[in-house]
Amino acid sequence: MATEKLPWEEIKQKYPDEWVVLVDYELDGDIPTNGVVRDHGSVKKELYQRLRLINEEWFVIYTGRMRRGLVMGGLYAVDLEDADRAEG
């Protein structure tokens, strides 16, 4: 289990096109700036089944591009297309 807090850009590089569960994270609006990767995987359904084992506040987000652009994470909804426009 990872314990090192990583910047979002490094998380995207380390876990490309995967769902990641972040804990001990910080947000800039609705986008994480950093966090500890507690779990990750390419199949969202399997990852969500494991979430009940995490006894701390979490945030789930996809590191790749989404067709529909909406990702649910904890209590947050993230529109990645808006985030990409804001970065560019």
N, C-alpha and C. Protein backbone atom coordinates (compact mmCIF):
# COMPACT_ATOMS: atom_id res chain seq x y z
N MET A 1 0.85 -1.17 0.00
CA MET A 1 0.00 0.00 0.00
C MET A 1 0.90 1.24 0.00
N ALA A 2 0.64 2.14 -0.95
CA ALA A 2 1.45 3.35 -1.08
C ALA A 2 1.17 4.32 0.06
N THR A 3 2.21 5.02 0.50
CA THR A 3 2.04 6.03 1.55
C THR A 3 2.61 7.37 1.14
N GLU A 4 3.30 7.42 0.01
CA GLU A 4 3.92 8.67 -0.44
C GLU A 4 2.91 9.55 -1.18
N LYS A 5 2.84 10.81 -0.79
CA LYS A 5 1.96 11.76 -1.47
C LYS A 5 2.65 12.18 -2.77
N LEU A 6 1.93 11.99 -3.89
CA LEU A 6 2.48 12.29 -5.21
C LEU A 6 1.72 13.44 -5.85
N PRO A 7 2.40 14.23 -6.68
CA PRO A 7 1.68 15.26 -7.44
C PRO A 7 0.80 14.59 -8.51
N TRP A 8 -0.30 15.26 -8.87
CA TRP A 8 -1.26 14.73 -9.84
C TRP A 8 -0.58 14.34 -11.15
N GLU A 9 0.32 15.16 -11.66
CA GLU A 9 0.98 14.84 -12.93
C GLU A 9 1.75 13.53 -12.84
N GLU A 10 2.40 13.28 -11.71
CA GLU A 10 3.13 12.03 -11.53
C GLU A 10 2.18 10.84 -11.39
N ILE A 11 1.05 11.04 -10.73
CA ILE A 11 0.05 9.98 -10.62
C ILE A 11 -0.44 9.59 -12.01
N LYS A 12 -0.72 10.58 -12.86
CA LYS A 12 -1.19 10.28 -14.23
C LYS A 12 -0.14 9.52 -15.02
N GLN A 13 1.14 9.83 -14.83
CA GLN A 13 2.21 9.14 -15.54
C GLN A 13 2.42 7.72 -15.00
N LYS A 14 2.33 7.57 -13.70
CA LYS A 14 2.59 6.28 -13.06
C LYS A 14 1.44 5.29 -13.27
N TYR A 15 0.21 5.80 -13.37
CA TYR A 15 -0.99 4.96 -13.52
C TYR A 15 -1.79 5.42 -14.74
N PRO A 16 -1.22 5.28 -15.95
CA PRO A 16 -1.92 5.79 -17.15
C PRO A 16 -3.20 5.01 -17.44
N ASP A 17 -4.25 5.76 -17.80
CA ASP A 17 -5.53 5.17 -18.19
C ASP A 17 -6.07 4.19 -17.16
N GLU A 18 -5.95 4.56 -15.88
CA GLU A 18 -6.47 3.74 -14.79
C GLU A 18 -7.32 4.58 -13.85
N TRP A 19 -8.17 3.90 -13.11
CA TRP A 19 -8.91 4.51 -12.02
C TRP A 19 -8.00 4.48 -10.81
N VAL A 20 -7.88 5.59 -10.11
CA VAL A 20 -7.05 5.64 -8.91
C VAL A 20 -7.90 6.11 -7.73
N VAL A 21 -7.64 5.52 -6.58
CA VAL A 21 -8.27 5.94 -5.33
C VAL A 21 -7.23 6.74 -4.56
N LEU A 22 -7.53 8.01 -4.34
CA LEU A 22 -6.62 8.88 -3.61
C LEU A 22 -7.13 9.08 -2.19
N VAL A 23 -6.21 9.07 -1.24
CA VAL A 23 -6.49 9.47 0.14
C VAL A 23 -5.46 10.53 0.49
N ASP A 24 -5.67 11.23 1.57
CA ASP A 24 -4.76 12.31 1.98
C ASP A 24 -4.45 13.20 0.77
N TYR A 25 -5.51 13.63 0.10
CA TYR A 25 -5.38 14.40 -1.14
C TYR A 25 -5.71 15.87 -0.91
N GLU A 26 -5.27 16.69 -1.85
CA GLU A 26 -5.62 18.11 -1.87
C GLU A 26 -6.22 18.41 -3.22
N LEU A 27 -7.19 19.31 -3.24
CA LEU A 27 -7.88 19.67 -4.48
C LEU A 27 -7.65 21.12 -4.83
N ASP A 28 -7.63 21.38 -6.13
CA ASP A 28 -7.70 22.74 -6.65
C ASP A 28 -9.03 22.80 -7.39
N GLY A 29 -10.05 23.29 -6.73
CA GLY A 29 -11.40 23.19 -7.28
C GLY A 29 -11.84 21.75 -7.16
N ASP A 30 -12.09 21.10 -8.29
CA ASP A 30 -12.51 19.70 -8.30
C ASP A 30 -11.43 18.76 -8.80
N ILE A 31 -10.23 19.26 -9.01
CA ILE A 31 -9.14 18.45 -9.55
C ILE A 31 -8.09 18.25 -8.47
N PRO A 32 -7.61 17.00 -8.29
CA PRO A 32 -6.58 16.79 -7.28
C PRO A 32 -5.25 17.43 -7.69
N THR A 33 -4.56 18.02 -6.73
CA THR A 33 -3.21 18.53 -6.99
C THR A 33 -2.18 17.52 -6.53
N ASN A 34 -2.56 16.68 -5.56
CA ASN A 34 -1.67 15.62 -5.08
C ASN A 34 -2.50 14.67 -4.22
N GLY A 35 -1.88 13.55 -3.87
CA GLY A 35 -2.56 12.59 -3.00
C GLY A 35 -1.77 11.31 -2.90
N VAL A 36 -2.20 10.47 -1.98
CA VAL A 36 -1.62 9.15 -1.80
C VAL A 36 -2.51 8.16 -2.55
N VAL A 37 -1.92 7.38 -3.46
CA VAL A 37 -2.68 6.38 -4.21
C VAL A 37 -2.88 5.16 -3.32
N ARG A 38 -4.11 4.94 -2.88
CA ARG A 38 -4.42 3.82 -1.99
C ARG A 38 -4.73 2.56 -2.79
N ASP A 39 -5.30 2.73 -3.99
CA ASP A 39 -5.65 1.58 -4.84
C ASP A 39 -5.76 2.10 -6.27
N HIS A 40 -5.67 1.20 -7.22
CA HIS A 40 -5.81 1.58 -8.62
C HIS A 40 -6.16 0.36 -9.45
N GLY A 41 -6.69 0.58 -10.63
CA GLY A 41 -7.01 -0.51 -11.53
C GLY A 41 -7.70 -0.01 -12.78
N SER A 42 -7.76 -0.87 -13.78
CA SER A 42 -8.36 -0.48 -15.05
C SER A 42 -9.87 -0.76 -15.10
N VAL A 43 -10.37 -1.57 -14.16
CA VAL A 43 -11.79 -1.91 -14.14
C VAL A 43 -12.45 -1.20 -12.96
N LYS A 44 -13.25 -0.18 -13.28
CA LYS A 44 -13.88 0.66 -12.25
C LYS A 44 -14.74 -0.16 -11.30
N LYS A 45 -15.51 -1.10 -11.82
CA LYS A 45 -16.42 -1.89 -10.98
C LYS A 45 -15.65 -2.66 -9.90
N GLU A 46 -14.53 -3.26 -10.28
CA GLU A 46 -13.71 -4.00 -9.31
C GLU A 46 -13.14 -3.06 -8.25
N LEU A 47 -12.71 -1.90 -8.68
CA LEU A 47 -12.14 -0.92 -7.76
C LEU A 47 -13.20 -0.46 -6.75
N TYR A 48 -14.40 -0.18 -7.23
CA TYR A 48 -15.47 0.27 -6.34
C TYR A 48 -15.85 -0.81 -5.33
N GLN A 49 -15.71 -2.09 -5.69
CA GLN A 49 -16.00 -3.17 -4.74
C GLN A 49 -15.00 -3.16 -3.59
N ARG A 50 -13.78 -2.72 -3.85
CA ARG A 50 -12.74 -2.69 -2.81
C ARG A 50 -12.82 -1.43 -1.95
N LEU A 51 -13.58 -0.43 -2.36
CA LEU A 51 -13.64 0.83 -1.61
C LEU A 51 -14.13 0.65 -0.18
N ARG A 52 -14.97 -0.36 0.06
CA ARG A 52 -15.50 -0.53 1.43
C ARG A 52 -14.40 -0.90 2.41
N LEU A 53 -13.23 -1.31 1.91
CA LEU A 53 -12.11 -1.65 2.78
C LEU A 53 -11.29 -0.43 3.18
N ILE A 54 -11.58 0.71 2.57
CA ILE A 54 -10.82 1.93 2.85
C ILE A 54 -11.58 2.73 3.90
N ASN A 55 -10.97 2.87 5.06
CA ASN A 55 -11.64 3.54 6.19
C ASN A 55 -11.19 4.97 6.36
N GLU A 56 -11.07 5.68 5.28
CA GLU A 56 -10.71 7.10 5.32
C GLU A 56 -11.36 7.78 4.13
N GLU A 57 -11.38 9.10 4.15
CA GLU A 57 -11.97 9.84 3.04
C GLU A 57 -11.18 9.54 1.77
N TRP A 58 -11.90 9.27 0.69
CA TRP A 58 -11.24 8.92 -0.57
C TRP A 58 -11.80 9.74 -1.72
N PHE A 59 -11.06 9.70 -2.82
CA PHE A 59 -11.43 10.41 -4.04
C PHE A 59 -11.05 9.49 -5.19
N VAL A 60 -11.99 9.16 -6.06
CA VAL A 60 -11.72 8.28 -7.21
C VAL A 60 -11.74 9.13 -8.47
N ILE A 61 -10.73 8.93 -9.30
CA ILE A 61 -10.66 9.67 -10.55
C ILE A 61 -9.92 8.83 -11.59
N TYR A 62 -10.25 9.04 -12.85
CA TYR A 62 -9.61 8.34 -13.97
C TYR A 62 -8.46 9.19 -14.48
N THR A 63 -7.33 8.56 -14.75
CA THR A 63 -6.15 9.30 -15.18
C THR A 63 -6.09 9.55 -16.68
N GLY A 64 -6.95 8.89 -17.43
CA GLY A 64 -6.94 9.07 -18.89
C GLY A 64 -8.08 9.96 -19.35
N ARG A 65 -8.31 9.97 -20.65
CA ARG A 65 -9.40 10.77 -21.22
C ARG A 65 -10.67 9.93 -21.19
N MET A 66 -11.78 10.59 -20.87
CA MET A 66 -13.08 9.94 -20.78
C MET A 66 -13.95 10.38 -21.95
N ARG A 67 -14.80 9.49 -22.42
CA ARG A 67 -15.75 9.85 -23.48
C ARG A 67 -16.78 10.84 -22.96
N ARG A 68 -17.38 10.53 -21.85
CA ARG A 68 -18.45 11.37 -21.32
C ARG A 68 -17.92 12.49 -20.43
N GLY A 69 -16.71 12.34 -19.93
CA GLY A 69 -16.09 13.41 -19.17
C GLY A 69 -16.48 13.55 -17.72
N LEU A 70 -17.41 12.74 -17.22
CA LEU A 70 -17.84 12.90 -15.83
C LEU A 70 -17.31 11.75 -15.00
N VAL A 71 -16.63 12.08 -13.91
CA VAL A 71 -16.06 11.08 -13.02
C VAL A 71 -16.58 11.37 -11.62
N MET A 72 -17.06 10.35 -10.94
CA MET A 72 -17.50 10.54 -9.56
C MET A 72 -16.37 10.15 -8.64
N GLY A 73 -16.12 10.96 -7.65
CA GLY A 73 -15.08 10.67 -6.68
C GLY A 73 -15.52 11.11 -5.31
N GLY A 74 -15.68 10.18 -4.39
CA GLY A 74 -16.12 10.55 -3.06
C GLY A 74 -17.41 11.35 -3.15
N LEU A 75 -17.38 12.58 -2.73
CA LEU A 75 -18.55 13.45 -2.83
C LEU A 75 -18.43 14.41 -3.99
N TYR A 76 -17.48 14.19 -4.86
CA TYR A 76 -17.17 15.14 -5.92
C TYR A 76 -17.48 14.57 -7.29
N ALA A 77 -17.87 15.42 -8.21
CA ALA A 77 -18.00 15.06 -9.62
C ALA A 77 -17.02 15.92 -10.38
N VAL A 78 -16.23 15.31 -11.24
CA VAL A 78 -15.19 16.03 -11.95
C VAL A 78 -15.45 15.95 -13.44
N ASP A 79 -15.53 17.09 -14.10
CA ASP A 79 -15.66 17.14 -15.55
C ASP A 79 -14.26 17.32 -16.11
N LEU A 80 -13.67 16.21 -16.58
CA LEU A 80 -12.27 16.25 -17.02
C LEU A 80 -12.09 17.09 -18.28
N GLU A 81 -13.11 17.19 -19.11
CA GLU A 81 -12.99 18.02 -20.30
C GLU A 81 -12.83 19.48 -19.91
N ASP A 82 -13.57 19.94 -18.90
CA ASP A 82 -13.40 21.31 -18.41
C ASP A 82 -12.01 21.49 -17.83
N ALA A 83 -11.52 20.49 -17.12
CA ALA A 83 -10.19 20.58 -16.51
C ALA A 83 -9.12 20.68 -17.59
N ASP A 84 -9.27 19.89 -18.66
CA ASP A 84 -8.29 19.95 -19.75
C ASP A 84 -8.30 21.33 -20.41
N ARG A 85 -9.49 21.91 -20.59
CA ARG A 85 -9.57 23.25 -21.18
C ARG A 85 -8.91 24.28 -20.28
N ALA A 86 -9.07 24.12 -18.97
CA ALA A 86 -8.48 25.07 -18.02
C ALA A 86 -6.96 24.98 -18.03
N GLU A 87 -6.41 23.75 -18.23
CA GLU A 87 -4.96 23.57 -18.26
C GLU A 87 -4.37 24.14 -19.53
N GLY A 88 -5.10 24.04 -20.65
CA GLY A 88 -4.58 24.42 -21.96
C GLY A 88 -4.75 25.83 -22.22
